[in-house]
PDB file of N, CA and C in Angstrom:
ATOM      1  N   MET A   1      73.804 -88.483 120.955  1.00  0.00           N
ATOM      2  CA  MET A   1      75.079 -88.485 121.627  1.00  0.00           C
ATOM      3  C   MET A   1      75.337 -89.912 122.105  1.00  0.00           C
ATOM      4  N   SER A   2      76.546 -90.366 121.892  1.00  0.00           N
ATOM      5  CA  SER A   2      76.902 -91.727 122.279  1.00  0.00           C
ATOM      6  C   SER A   2      77.094 -91.830 123.788  1.00  0.00           C
ATOM      7  N   ALA A   3      77.216 -93.055 124.242  1.00  0.00           N
ATOM      8  CA  ALA A   3      77.404 -93.306 125.675  1.00  0.00           C
ATOM      9  C   ALA A   3      78.669 -92.642 126.209  1.00  0.00           C
ATOM     10  N   ASP A   4      79.662 -92.454 125.329  1.00  0.00           N
ATOM     11  CA  ASP A   4      80.911 -91.830 125.776  1.00  0.00           C
ATOM     12  C   ASP A   4      80.981 -90.332 125.453  1.00  0.00           C
ATOM     13  N   GLY A   5      79.813 -89.720 125.128  1.00  0.00           N
ATOM     14  CA  GLY A   5      79.751 -88.273 124.962  1.00  0.00           C
ATOM     15  C   GLY A   5      80.076 -87.739 123.587  1.00  0.00           C
ATOM     16  N   TYR A   6      80.151 -88.590 122.576  1.00  0.00           N
ATOM     17  CA  TYR A   6      80.469 -88.162 121.220  1.00  0.00           C
ATOM     18  C   TYR A   6      79.182 -87.847 120.460  1.00  0.00           C
ATOM     19  N   ILE A   7      79.164 -86.751 119.714  1.00  0.00           N
ATOM     20  CA  ILE A   7      77.985 -86.389 118.924  1.00  0.00           C
ATOM     21  C   ILE A   7      77.918 -87.302 117.704  1.00  0.00           C
ATOM     22  N   LEU A   8      76.827 -88.052 117.596  1.00  0.00           N
ATOM     23  CA  LEU A   8      76.643 -88.974 116.476  1.00  0.00           C
ATOM     24  C   LEU A   8      75.826 -88.346 115.355  1.00  0.00           C
ATOM     25  N   ALA A   9      74.900 -87.505 115.696  1.00  0.00           N
ATOM     26  CA  ALA A   9      74.033 -86.860 114.710  1.00  0.00           C
ATOM     27  C   ALA A   9      73.677 -85.477 115.240  1.00  0.00           C
ATOM     28  N   GLY A  10      73.415 -84.568 114.329  1.00  0.00           N
ATOM     29  CA  GLY A  10      73.014 -83.233 114.744  1.00  0.00           C
ATOM     30  C   GLY A  10      74.125 -82.210 114.737  1.00  0.00           C
ATOM     31  N   HIS A  11      75.210 -82.513 114.034  1.00  0.00           N
ATOM     32  CA  HIS A  11      76.322 -81.562 113.977  1.00  0.00           C
ATOM     33  C   HIS A  11      75.872 -80.218 113.397  1.00  0.00           C
ATOM     34  N   ALA A  12      75.041 -80.267 112.353  1.00  0.00           N
ATOM     35  CA  ALA A  12      74.575 -79.026 111.730  1.00  0.00           C
ATOM     36  C   ALA A  12      73.680 -78.241 112.685  1.00  0.00           C
ATOM     37  N   ARG A  13      72.846 -78.954 113.438  1.00  0.00           N
ATOM     38  CA  ARG A  13      71.992 -78.275 114.414  1.00  0.00           C
ATOM     39  C   ARG A  13      72.838 -77.594 115.488  1.00  0.00           C
ATOM     40  N   LEU A  14      73.872 -78.274 115.916  1.00  0.00           N
ATOM     41  CA  LEU A  14      74.750 -77.696 116.930  1.00  0.00           C
ATOM     42  C   LEU A  14      75.428 -76.436 116.399  1.00  0.00           C
ATOM     43  N   LYS A  15      75.914 -76.483 115.159  1.00  0.00           N
ATOM     44  CA  LYS A  15      76.551 -75.298 114.574  1.00  0.00           C
ATOM     45  C   LYS A  15      75.564 -74.147 114.447  1.00  0.00           C
ATOM     46  N   ALA A  16      74.328 -74.458 114.035  1.00  0.00           N
ATOM     47  CA  ALA A  16      73.304 -73.415 113.916  1.00  0.00           C
ATOM     48  C   ALA A  16      73.002 -72.804 115.281  1.00  0.00           C
ATOM     49  N   ALA A  17      72.924 -73.638 116.304  1.00  0.00           N
ATOM     50  CA  ALA A  17      72.672 -73.140 117.659  1.00  0.00           C
ATOM     51  C   ALA A  17      73.813 -72.241 118.118  1.00  0.00           C
ATOM     52  N   GLU A  18      75.042 -72.673 117.866  1.00  0.00           N
ATOM     53  CA  GLU A  18      76.198 -71.859 118.243  1.00  0.00           C
ATOM     54  C   GLU A  18      76.173 -70.522 117.519  1.00  0.00           C
ATOM     55  N   LYS A  19      75.843 -70.564 116.218  1.00  0.00           N
ATOM     56  CA  LYS A  19      75.796 -69.338 115.426  1.00  0.00           C
ATOM     57  C   LYS A  19      74.709 -68.394 115.938  1.00  0.00           C
ATOM     58  N   ALA A  20      73.629 -68.968 116.461  1.00  0.00           N
ATOM     59  CA  ALA A  20      72.523 -68.173 116.996  1.00  0.00           C
ATOM     60  C   ALA A  20      72.757 -67.752 118.442  1.00  0.00           C
ATOM     61  N   GLY A  21      73.898 -68.159 119.015  1.00  0.00           N
ATOM     62  CA  GLY A  21      74.216 -67.779 120.384  1.00  0.00           C
ATOM     63  C   GLY A  21      73.565 -68.652 121.445  1.00  0.00           C
ATOM     64  N   ILE A  22      73.093 -69.819 121.039  1.00  0.00           N
ATOM     65  CA  ILE A  22      72.468 -70.746 121.986  1.00  0.00           C
ATOM     66  C   ILE A  22      73.569 -71.626 122.563  1.00  0.00           C
ATOM     67  N   SER A  23      73.720 -71.597 123.875  1.00  0.00           N
ATOM     68  CA  SER A  23      74.838 -72.309 124.501  1.00  0.00           C
ATOM     69  C   SER A  23      74.484 -73.715 124.963  1.00  0.00           C
ATOM     70  N   GLU A  24      73.201 -74.019 125.088  1.00  0.00           N
ATOM     71  CA  GLU A  24      72.790 -75.359 125.509  1.00  0.00           C
ATOM     72  C   GLU A  24      71.714 -75.871 124.568  1.00  0.00           C
ATOM     73  N   VAL A  25      71.818 -77.131 124.196  1.00  0.00           N
ATOM     74  CA  VAL A  25      70.815 -77.759 123.335  1.00  0.00           C
ATOM     75  C   VAL A  25      70.437 -79.114 123.924  1.00  0.00           C
ATOM     76  N   PRO A  26      69.201 -79.548 123.704  1.00  0.00           N
ATOM     77  CA  PRO A  26      68.820 -80.867 124.210  1.00  0.00           C
ATOM     78  C   PRO A  26      69.515 -81.963 123.411  1.00  0.00           C
ATOM     79  N   VAL A  27      69.776 -83.067 124.053  1.00  0.00           N
ATOM     80  CA  VAL A  27      70.400 -84.209 123.379  1.00  0.00           C
ATOM     81  C   VAL A  27      69.656 -85.487 123.747  1.00  0.00           C
ATOM     82  N   ILE A  28      69.819 -86.471 122.901  1.00  0.00           N
ATOM     83  CA  ILE A  28      69.317 -87.814 123.174  1.00  0.00           C
ATOM     84  C   ILE A  28      70.544 -88.701 123.308  1.00  0.00           C
ATOM     85  N   TYR A  29      70.676 -89.337 124.441  1.00  0.00           N
ATOM     86  CA  TYR A  29      71.801 -90.243 124.660  1.00  0.00           C
ATOM     87  C   TYR A  29      71.445 -91.629 124.139  1.00  0.00           C
ATOM     88  N   LEU A  30      72.344 -92.207 123.367  1.00  0.00           N
ATOM     89  CA  LEU A  30      72.175 -93.566 122.859  1.00  0.00           C
ATOM     90  C   LEU A  30      73.213 -94.460 123.519  1.00  0.00           C
ATOM     91  N   PRO A  31      72.826 -95.662 123.890  1.00  0.00           N
ATOM     92  CA  PRO A  31      73.772 -96.567 124.556  1.00  0.00           C
ATOM     93  C   PRO A  31      74.713 -97.234 123.555  1.00  0.00           C
ATOM     94  N   LEU A  32      75.381 -96.417 122.735  1.00  0.00           N
ATOM     95  CA  LEU A  32      76.286 -96.931 121.709  1.00  0.00           C
ATOM     96  C   LEU A  32      77.705 -96.473 121.998  1.00  0.00           C
ATOM     97  N   GLU A  33      78.650 -97.365 121.748  1.00  0.00           N
ATOM     98  CA  GLU A  33      80.065 -97.024 121.901  1.00  0.00           C
ATOM     99  C   GLU A  33      80.845 -97.689 120.774  1.00  0.00           C
ATOM    100  N   GLY A  34      82.049 -97.194 120.555  1.00  0.00           N
ATOM    101  CA  GLY A  34      82.973 -97.828 119.626  1.00  0.00           C
ATOM    102  C   GLY A  34      82.418 -98.005 118.228  1.00  0.00           C
ATOM    103  N   GLU A  35      82.555 -99.216 117.694  1.00  0.00           N
ATOM    104  CA  GLU A  35      82.164 -99.499 116.319  1.00  0.00           C
ATOM    105  C   GLU A  35      80.671 -99.297 116.084  1.00  0.00           C
ATOM    106  N   LYS A  36      79.836 -99.612 117.068  1.00  0.00           N
ATOM    107  CA  LYS A  36      78.394 -99.413 116.905  1.00  0.00           C
ATOM    108  C   LYS A  36      78.071 -97.925 116.772  1.00  0.00           C
ATOM    109  N   ALA A  37      78.734 -97.095 117.555  1.00  0.00           N
ATOM    110  CA  ALA A  37      78.522 -95.652 117.468  1.00  0.00           C
ATOM    111  C   ALA A  37      78.998 -95.128 116.115  1.00  0.00           C
ATOM    112  N   GLU A  38      80.137 -95.602 115.647  1.00  0.00           N
ATOM    113  CA  GLU A  38      80.664 -95.169 114.357  1.00  0.00           C
ATOM    114  C   GLU A  38      79.757 -95.614 113.217  1.00  0.00           C
ATOM    115  N   ALA A  39      79.203 -96.830 113.302  1.00  0.00           N
ATOM    116  CA  ALA A  39      78.285 -97.321 112.276  1.00  0.00           C
ATOM    117  C   ALA A  39      77.019 -96.461 112.237  1.00  0.00           C
ATOM    118  N   TYR A  40      76.528 -96.064 113.403  1.00  0.00           N
ATOM    119  CA  TYR A  40      75.355 -95.191 113.469  1.00  0.00           C
ATOM    120  C   TYR A  40      75.663 -93.851 112.802  1.00  0.00           C
ATOM    121  N   LEU A  41      76.830 -93.303 113.075  1.00  0.00           N
ATOM    122  CA  LEU A  41      77.254 -92.035 112.491  1.00  0.00           C
ATOM    123  C   LEU A  41      77.252 -92.116 110.970  1.00  0.00           C
ATOM    124  N   VAL A  42      77.823 -93.172 110.423  1.00  0.00           N
ATOM    125  CA  VAL A  42      77.873 -93.354 108.967  1.00  0.00           C
ATOM    126  C   VAL A  42      76.462 -93.502 108.407  1.00  0.00           C
ATOM    127  N   ALA A  43      75.631 -94.333 109.043  1.00  0.00           N
ATOM    128  CA  ALA A  43      74.268 -94.564 108.562  1.00  0.00           C
ATOM    129  C   ALA A  43      73.452 -93.276 108.575  1.00  0.00           C
ATOM    130  N   ASP A  44      73.569 -92.493 109.624  1.00  0.00           N
ATOM    131  CA  ASP A  44      72.823 -91.246 109.711  1.00  0.00           C
ATOM    132  C   ASP A  44      73.204 -90.306 108.575  1.00  0.00           C
ATOM    133  N   ASN A  45      74.481 -90.192 108.289  1.00  0.00           N
ATOM    134  CA  ASN A  45      74.928 -89.326 107.204  1.00  0.00           C
ATOM    135  C   ASN A  45      74.539 -89.887 105.847  1.00  0.00           C
ATOM    136  N   ARG A  46      74.573 -91.187 105.701  1.00  0.00           N
ATOM    137  CA  ARG A  46      74.185 -91.818 104.434  1.00  0.00           C
ATOM    138  C   ARG A  46      72.711 -91.575 104.143  1.00  0.00           C
ATOM    139  N   LEU A  47      71.875 -91.684 105.141  1.00  0.00           N
ATOM    140  CA  LEU A  47      70.445 -91.444 104.946  1.00  0.00           C
ATOM    141  C   LEU A  47      70.189 -90.016 104.490  1.00  0.00           C
ATOM    142  N   GLN A  48      70.966 -89.075 104.986  1.00  0.00           N
ATOM    143  CA  GLN A  48      70.809 -87.687 104.558  1.00  0.00           C
ATOM    144  C   GLN A  48      71.225 -87.510 103.109  1.00  0.00           C
ATOM    145  N   ASP A  49      72.222 -88.269 102.656  1.00  0.00           N
ATOM    146  CA  ASP A  49      72.657 -88.195 101.262  1.00  0.00           C
ATOM    147  C   ASP A  49      71.541 -88.589 100.309  1.00  0.00           C
ATOM    148  N   GLU A  50      70.671 -89.481 100.751  1.00  0.00           N
ATOM    149  CA  GLU A  50      69.616 -89.995  99.893  1.00  0.00           C
ATOM    150  C   GLU A  50      68.350 -89.143  99.948  1.00  0.00           C
ATOM    151  N   THR A  51      68.388 -88.052 100.686  1.00  0.00           N
ATOM    152  CA  THR A  51      67.226 -87.185 100.820  1.00  0.00           C
ATOM    153  C   THR A  51      67.208 -86.174  99.688  1.00  0.00           C
ATOM    154  N   ASP A  52      66.041 -86.003  99.092  1.00  0.00           N
ATOM    155  CA  ASP A  52      65.860 -84.996  98.055  1.00  0.00           C
ATOM    156  C   ASP A  52      65.043 -83.844  98.620  1.00  0.00           C
ATOM    157  N   TRP A  53      65.392 -82.635  98.230  1.00  0.00           N
ATOM    158  CA  TRP A  53      64.646 -81.461  98.657  1.00  0.00           C
ATOM    159  C   TRP A  53      63.376 -81.341  97.837  1.00  0.00           C
ATOM    160  N   ASP A  54      62.311 -80.906  98.460  1.00  0.00           N
ATOM    161  CA  ASP A  54      61.111 -80.461  97.755  1.00  0.00           C
ATOM    162  C   ASP A  54      61.327 -78.960  97.582  1.00  0.00           C
ATOM    163  N   TYR A  55      61.883 -78.578  96.424  1.00  0.00           N
ATOM    164  CA  TYR A  55      62.320 -77.198  96.240  1.00  0.00           C
ATOM    165  C   TYR A  55      61.168 -76.198  96.274  1.00  0.00           C
ATOM    166  N   GLU A  56      59.985 -76.613  95.844  1.00  0.00           N
ATOM    167  CA  GLU A  56      58.838 -75.700  95.902  1.00  0.00           C
ATOM    168  C   GLU A  56      58.465 -75.403  97.354  1.00  0.00           C
ATOM    169  N   LYS A  57      58.434 -76.430  98.191  1.00  0.00           N
ATOM    170  CA  LYS A  57      58.138 -76.222  99.613  1.00  0.00           C
ATOM    171  C   LYS A  57      59.250 -75.420 100.288  1.00  0.00           C
ATOM    172  N   LEU A  58      60.502 -75.714  99.920  1.00  0.00           N
ATOM    173  CA  LEU A  58      61.628 -74.972 100.481  1.00  0.00           C
ATOM    174  C   LEU A  58      61.534 -73.500 100.101  1.00  0.00           C
ATOM    175  N   LYS A  59      61.220 -73.235  98.839  1.00  0.00           N
ATOM    176  CA  LYS A  59      61.063 -71.853  98.373  1.00  0.00           C
ATOM    177  C   LYS A  59      59.976 -71.139  99.173  1.00  0.00           C
ATOM    178  N   ASN A  60      58.820 -71.794  99.326  1.00  0.00           N
ATOM    179  CA  ASN A  60      57.714 -71.184 100.071  1.00  0.00           C
ATOM    180  C   ASN A  60      58.097 -70.911 101.518  1.00  0.00           C
ATOM    181  N   LEU A  61      58.772 -71.859 102.140  1.00  0.00           N
ATOM    182  CA  LEU A  61      59.179 -71.685 103.537  1.00  0.00           C
ATOM    183  C   LEU A  61      60.185 -70.545 103.683  1.00  0.00           C
ATOM    184  N   LEU A  62      61.157 -70.482 102.781  1.00  0.00           N
ATOM    185  CA  LEU A  62      62.139 -69.394 102.838  1.00  0.00           C
ATOM    186  C   LEU A  62      61.471 -68.041 102.619  1.00  0.00           C
ATOM    187  N   GLN A  63      60.492 -68.005 101.719  1.00  0.00           N
ATOM    188  CA  GLN A  63      59.766 -66.747 101.503  1.00  0.00           C
ATOM    189  C   GLN A  63      58.996 -66.340 102.757  1.00  0.00           C
ATOM    190  N   GLU A  64      58.401 -67.321 103.445  1.00  0.00           N
ATOM    191  CA  GLU A  64      57.689 -67.025 104.692  1.00  0.00           C
ATOM    192  C   GLU A  64      58.645 -66.510 105.767  1.00  0.00           C
ATOM    193  N   LEU A  65      59.848 -67.060 105.796  1.00  0.00           N
ATOM    194  CA  LEU A  65      60.832 -66.662 106.804  1.00  0.00           C
ATOM    195  C   LEU A  65      61.483 -65.317 106.491  1.00  0.00           C
ATOM    196  N   ASP A  66      61.376 -64.869 105.249  1.00  0.00           N
ATOM    197  CA  ASP A  66      62.057 -63.658 104.799  1.00  0.00           C
ATOM    198  C   ASP A  66      61.298 -62.409 105.239  1.00  0.00           C
ATOM    199  N   THR A  67      61.203 -62.229 106.551  1.00  0.00           N
ATOM    200  CA  THR A  67      60.489 -61.080 107.122  1.00  0.00           C
ATOM    201  C   THR A  67      61.443 -60.025 107.659  1.00  0.00           C
ATOM    202  N   GLY A  68      62.724 -60.352 107.693  1.00  0.00           N
ATOM    203  CA  GLY A  68      63.700 -59.449 108.274  1.00  0.00           C
ATOM    204  C   GLY A  68      63.897 -59.654 109.762  1.00  0.00           C
ATOM    205  N   GLU A  69      63.096 -60.535 110.357  1.00  0.00           N
ATOM    206  CA  GLU A  69      63.200 -60.769 111.800  1.00  0.00           C
ATOM    207  C   GLU A  69      64.323 -61.726 112.167  1.00  0.00           C
ATOM    208  N   ILE A  70      64.703 -62.599 111.239  1.00  0.00           N
ATOM    209  CA  ILE A  70      65.799 -63.535 111.514  1.00  0.00           C
ATOM    210  C   ILE A  70      66.805 -63.487 110.382  1.00  0.00           C
ATOM    211  N   ASP A  71      68.004 -63.911 110.667  1.00  0.00           N
ATOM    212  CA  ASP A  71      69.057 -64.032 109.666  1.00  0.00           C
ATOM    213  C   ASP A  71      68.809 -65.327 108.904  1.00  0.00           C
ATOM    214  N   LEU A  72      68.431 -65.223 107.636  1.00  0.00           N
ATOM    215  CA  LEU A  72      68.119 -66.416 106.848  1.00  0.00           C
ATOM    216  C   LEU A  72      69.309 -67.356 106.702  1.00  0.00           C
ATOM    217  N   GLU A  73      70.514 -66.856 106.916  1.00  0.00           N
ATOM    218  CA  GLU A  73      71.679 -67.735 106.841  1.00  0.00           C
ATOM    219  C   GLU A  73      71.704 -68.737 107.994  1.00  0.00           C
ATOM    220  N   LEU A  74      70.857 -68.531 109.002  1.00  0.00           N
ATOM    221  CA  LEU A  74      70.735 -69.528 110.070  1.00  0.00           C
ATOM    222  C   LEU A  74      70.124 -70.825 109.547  1.00  0.00           C
ATOM    223  N   THR A  75      69.552 -70.792 108.344  1.00  0.00           N
ATOM    224  CA  THR A  75      68.991 -71.999 107.734  1.00  0.00           C
ATOM    225  C   THR A  75      70.076 -72.934 107.215  1.00  0.00           C
ATOM    226  N   GLY A  76      71.307 -72.428 107.144  1.00  0.00           N
ATOM    227  CA  GLY A  76      72.395 -73.241 106.611  1.00  0.00           C
ATOM    228  C   GLY A  76      72.724 -72.919 105.167  1.00  0.00           C
ATOM    229  N   PHE A  77      71.891 -72.115 104.533  1.00  0.00           N
ATOM    230  CA  PHE A  77      72.151 -71.669 103.170  1.00  0.00           C
ATOM    231  C   PHE A  77      72.788 -70.289 103.236  1.00  0.00           C
ATOM    232  N   ASP A  78      73.713 -69.996 102.298  1.00  0.00           N
ATOM    233  CA  ASP A  78      74.250 -68.638 102.262  1.00  0.00           C
ATOM    234  C   ASP A  78      73.298 -67.763 101.438  1.00  0.00           C
ATOM    235  N   MET A  79      73.504 -66.457 101.447  1.00  0.00           N
ATOM    236  CA  MET A  79      72.559 -65.540 100.803  1.00  0.00           C
ATOM    237  C   MET A  79      72.451 -65.767  99.304  1.00  0.00           C
ATOM    238  N   ASP A  80      73.543 -66.127  98.635  1.00  0.00           N
ATOM    239  CA  ASP A  80      73.460 -66.416  97.202  1.00  0.00           C
ATOM    240  C   ASP A  80      72.539 -67.602  96.949  1.00  0.00           C
ATOM    241  N   GLU A  81      72.677 -68.646  97.760  1.00  0.00           N
ATOM    242  CA  GLU A  81      71.815 -69.823  97.619  1.00  0.00           C
ATOM    243  C   GLU A  81      70.360 -69.464  97.914  1.00  0.00           C
ATOM    244  N   ILE A  82      70.141 -68.668  98.948  1.00  0.00           N
ATOM    245  CA  ILE A  82      68.781 -68.271  99.320  1.00  0.00           C
ATOM    246  C   ILE A  82      68.137 -67.472  98.197  1.00  0.00           C
ATOM    247  N   GLU A  83      68.885 -66.533  97.637  1.00  0.00           N
ATOM    248  CA  GLU A  83      68.347 -65.731  96.535  1.00  0.00           C
ATOM    249  C   GLU A  83      67.993 -66.607  95.344  1.00  0.00           C
ATOM    250  N   ASP A  84      68.836 -67.593  95.029  1.00  0.00           N
ATOM    251  CA  ASP A  84      68.539 -68.519  93.930  1.00  0.00           C
ATOM    252  C   ASP A  84      67.297 -69.353  94.228  1.00  0.00           C
ATOM    253  N   LEU A  85      67.159 -69.798  95.469  1.00  0.00           N
ATOM    254  CA  LEU A  85      66.019 -70.636  95.840  1.00  0.00           C
ATOM    255  C   LEU A  85      64.709 -69.855  95.843  1.00  0.00           C
ATOM    256  N   ILE A  86      64.756 -68.599  96.256  1.00  0.00           N
ATOM    257  CA  ILE A  86      63.541 -67.787  96.346  1.00  0.00           C
ATOM    258  C   ILE A  86      63.128 -67.245  94.981  1.00  0.00           C
ATOM    259  N   ALA A  87      64.085 -67.044  94.092  1.00  0.00           N
ATOM    260  CA  ALA A  87      63.803 -66.442  92.777  1.00  0.00           C
ATOM    261  C   ALA A  87      62.829 -67.253  91.955  1.00  0.00           C
TER     262      ALA A  87
END
């Protein structure tokens, strides 16, 4: 979170928390404002673009989570994607 209260990173985590009914989440405040905060936002998203999934590990983790105790869509994948990944 920037010095002026803007979320710079973690938008997906916030949405997942909201979907799970969590009303408060921890944040890290960064002393960034204006152009520096915007540059951080772009860099954070760019780094995620360059990330590759280890699909075998993802498959194993999703299979471990598939106990019926949690909604697997909380992972950010929809059920069609989850079924494809687990298959």
